[in-house]
Amino acid sequence: MIRRLLLVSAFLLPTVSLSAQNAGPLSTLPDLVGPLKATPGCLGVETAQTSSGKLVIFAWFEDRGALLRWYSSDLHQQLMKLGPSSGRPPLADIADGTGPILAIASLTPRTMPGGSAIPFAQMAIELYQPLPGGAFVNGRFAPPGVKVSGMRGVTLDTGK
């Protein structure tokens, strides 16, 4: 079963490489990859930029408790002050013991200056759980610590 939760709060703003000319308002945001990786129970972090310009961060957590540790961290609490509060308890729809959890945060930088103190035009956080099954050849996108029931793996000699 896939669990998906979209939150509208500042969480996991990506830290992909931003050049000085396109960083704009995002250049003032702190590095998040290091603190995310340092969160007990964070299994791994990857960043990317999509063809549409969204900046994306993928963070795998061993369970709900690990994700709550990041949510409650000083850095995350400071970032949440950038946006509106939902007034809901964090991860209210996620049962204790649920895991592993993949948090995907996407952010579209603001292209037009002025008007808003928020340095992005769009931001979303989505949470997913792996389905049983799947396959990989010579490695996975998810970190090795992410256990998936029924996952099949093959190692091939590629000559490298």
Protein backbone atom coordinates (compact mmCIF):
# COMPACT_ATOMS: atom_id res chain seq x y z
CA MET A 1 0.00 0.00 0.00
CA ILE A 2 1.30 3.44 -0.87
CA ARG A 3 0.82 6.04 1.81
CA ARG A 4 0.84 9.58 0.50
CA LEU A 5 0.58 12.74 2.51
CA LEU A 6 0.95 16.19 1.02
CA LEU A 7 1.92 18.84 3.53
CA VAL A 8 2.03 22.54 2.85
CA SER A 9 4.81 23.57 5.20
CA ALA A 10 8.50 24.33 4.79
CA PHE A 11 10.18 20.91 4.98
CA LEU A 12 13.23 19.46 3.27
CA LEU A 13 13.99 22.36 0.96
CA PRO A 14 16.43 20.88 -1.55
CA THR A 15 20.06 21.79 -1.73
CA VAL A 16 20.97 20.92 -5.29
CA SER A 17 23.76 22.90 -6.85
CA LEU A 18 22.51 26.40 -7.54
CA SER A 19 24.65 28.78 -9.54
CA ALA A 20 24.78 32.41 -8.45
CA GLN A 21 22.71 33.58 -11.44
CA ASN A 22 19.77 31.22 -10.85
CA ALA A 23 19.86 30.87 -7.05
CA GLY A 24 17.91 34.08 -6.49
CA PRO A 25 15.97 33.98 -3.22
CA LEU A 26 16.96 30.35 -2.54
CA SER A 27 20.59 31.32 -2.02
CA THR A 28 19.77 32.33 1.57
CA LEU A 29 18.42 28.89 2.56
CA PRO A 30 20.64 26.71 4.76
CA ASP A 31 22.17 23.41 3.69
CA LEU A 32 19.69 20.65 4.49
CA VAL A 33 21.41 17.54 3.16
CA GLY A 34 23.97 17.36 5.96
CA PRO A 35 21.45 17.85 8.78
CA LEU A 36 19.03 15.40 7.13
CA LYS A 37 21.72 12.73 6.86
CA ALA A 38 22.67 13.36 10.50
CA THR A 39 19.11 12.73 11.71
CA PRO A 40 19.00 9.39 13.56
CA GLY A 41 16.99 6.98 11.40
CA CYS A 42 17.57 8.81 8.12
CA LEU A 43 18.68 6.06 5.73
CA GLY A 44 19.84 8.28 2.87
CA VAL A 45 19.31 11.49 0.91
CA GLU A 46 19.42 12.28 -2.83
CA THR A 47 18.80 15.58 -4.62
CA ALA A 48 17.80 16.30 -8.22
CA GLN A 49 16.40 18.89 -10.57
CA THR A 50 13.54 17.98 -12.91
CA SER A 51 13.21 19.01 -16.54
CA SER A 52 10.47 21.48 -15.49
CA GLY A 53 12.87 23.22 -13.09
CA LYS A 54 11.63 21.78 -9.80
CA LEU A 55 14.31 21.11 -7.21
CA VAL A 56 13.70 17.79 -5.48
CA ILE A 57 15.05 16.08 -2.41
CA PHE A 58 14.46 12.41 -1.63
CA ALA A 59 14.97 11.39 2.01
CA TRP A 60 14.42 7.85 3.27
CA PHE A 61 13.55 7.30 6.93
CA GLU A 62 13.48 3.97 8.74
CA ASP A 63 10.10 4.72 10.32
CA ARG A 64 7.63 7.36 11.51
CA GLY A 65 9.76 8.06 14.61
CA ALA A 66 12.81 8.93 12.48
CA LEU A 67 10.74 11.27 10.31
CA LEU A 68 9.37 12.93 13.45
CA ARG A 69 12.95 13.47 14.68
CA TRP A 70 13.66 15.48 11.51
CA TYR A 71 10.30 17.28 11.78
CA SER A 72 11.09 18.29 15.38
CA SER A 73 14.68 19.36 14.66
CA ASP A 74 15.64 22.98 15.29
CA LEU A 75 16.43 23.52 11.60
CA HIS A 76 13.09 22.17 10.39
CA GLN A 77 11.19 24.16 12.98
CA GLN A 78 12.97 27.34 11.80
CA LEU A 79 12.10 26.55 8.18
CA MET A 80 8.45 25.96 9.02
CA LYS A 81 8.22 29.58 10.14
CA LEU A 82 8.67 30.60 6.47
CA GLY A 83 5.20 29.36 5.58
CA PRO A 84 1.71 29.02 7.01
CA SER A 85 0.97 26.53 9.75
CA SER A 86 -1.53 23.76 9.04
CA GLY A 87 -2.48 23.56 12.72
CA ARG A 88 -2.47 19.75 12.48
CA PRO A 89 -0.25 17.47 14.55
CA PRO A 90 2.70 16.26 12.45
CA LEU A 91 2.21 12.95 10.63
CA ALA A 92 -1.25 12.55 12.18
CA ASP A 93 -2.32 10.11 9.43
CA ILE A 94 0.77 7.88 9.75
CA ALA A 95 0.59 5.05 12.30
CA ASP A 96 3.41 4.49 14.82
CA GLY A 97 5.84 1.87 13.56
CA THR A 98 5.16 2.68 9.89
CA GLY A 99 8.27 2.42 7.78
CA PRO A 100 10.32 2.74 5.78
CA ILE A 101 9.07 6.12 4.56
CA LEU A 102 10.31 8.07 1.56
CA ALA A 103 9.79 11.82 1.86
CA ILE A 104 9.91 13.66 -1.47
CA ALA A 105 10.06 17.43 -1.28
CA SER A 106 9.70 19.45 -4.47
CA LEU A 107 10.23 23.14 -4.80
CA THR A 108 9.92 25.54 -7.73
CA PRO A 109 12.06 28.65 -7.22
CA ARG A 110 10.35 32.01 -7.64
CA THR A 111 11.29 33.49 -11.00
CA MET A 112 9.87 36.96 -10.49
CA PRO A 113 11.42 39.11 -7.75
CA GLY A 114 9.42 41.02 -5.16
CA GLY A 115 6.08 40.63 -3.48
CA SER A 116 6.79 37.66 -1.24
CA ALA A 117 9.22 36.77 1.52
CA ILE A 118 8.79 33.10 0.56
CA PRO A 119 11.63 32.13 -1.81
CA PHE A 120 9.60 29.66 -3.87
CA ALA A 121 6.56 29.60 -6.13
CA GLN A 122 5.60 26.01 -5.28
CA MET A 123 6.56 23.59 -2.52
CA ALA A 124 5.19 20.16 -1.65
CA ILE A 125 6.10 17.25 0.57
CA GLU A 126 4.84 13.80 -0.28
CA LEU A 127 5.36 10.65 1.77
CA TYR A 128 5.50 7.15 0.31
CA GLN A 129 6.01 3.59 1.47
CA PRO A 130 7.51 0.91 -0.79
CA LEU A 131 5.30 -1.79 -2.23
CA PRO A 132 6.50 -5.38 -2.00
CA GLY A 133 8.42 -6.54 -5.06
CA GLY A 134 10.45 -4.74 -7.64
CA ALA A 135 13.83 -5.51 -9.16
CA PHE A 136 17.23 -3.94 -9.66
CA VAL A 137 20.39 -4.59 -11.64
CA ASN A 138 23.75 -3.56 -10.10
CA GLY A 139 22.23 -1.37 -7.42
CA ARG A 140 19.17 0.61 -6.39
CA PHE A 141 18.04 4.21 -6.17
CA ALA A 142 17.02 3.68 -2.53
CA PRO A 143 19.81 3.30 0.02
CA PRO A 144 20.75 -0.26 1.06
CA GLY A 145 19.11 0.24 4.47
CA VAL A 146 15.66 0.47 2.85
CA LYS A 147 14.25 -3.03 3.15
CA VAL A 148 11.61 -4.01 0.58
CA SER A 149 9.84 -7.35 0.85
CA GLY A 150 10.19 -9.43 -2.31
CA MET A 151 12.75 -7.13 -3.98
CA ARG A 152 14.85 -9.06 -6.51
CA GLY A 153 18.40 -8.02 -7.28
CA VAL A 154 20.88 -9.07 -9.92
CA THR A 155 24.56 -8.20 -10.17
CA LEU A 156 26.02 -8.25 -13.68
CA ASP A 157 29.65 -7.88 -14.69
CA THR A 158 29.69 -4.78 -16.86
CA GLY A 159 33.44 -4.88 -17.48
CA LYS A 160 34.10 -1.72 -15.46
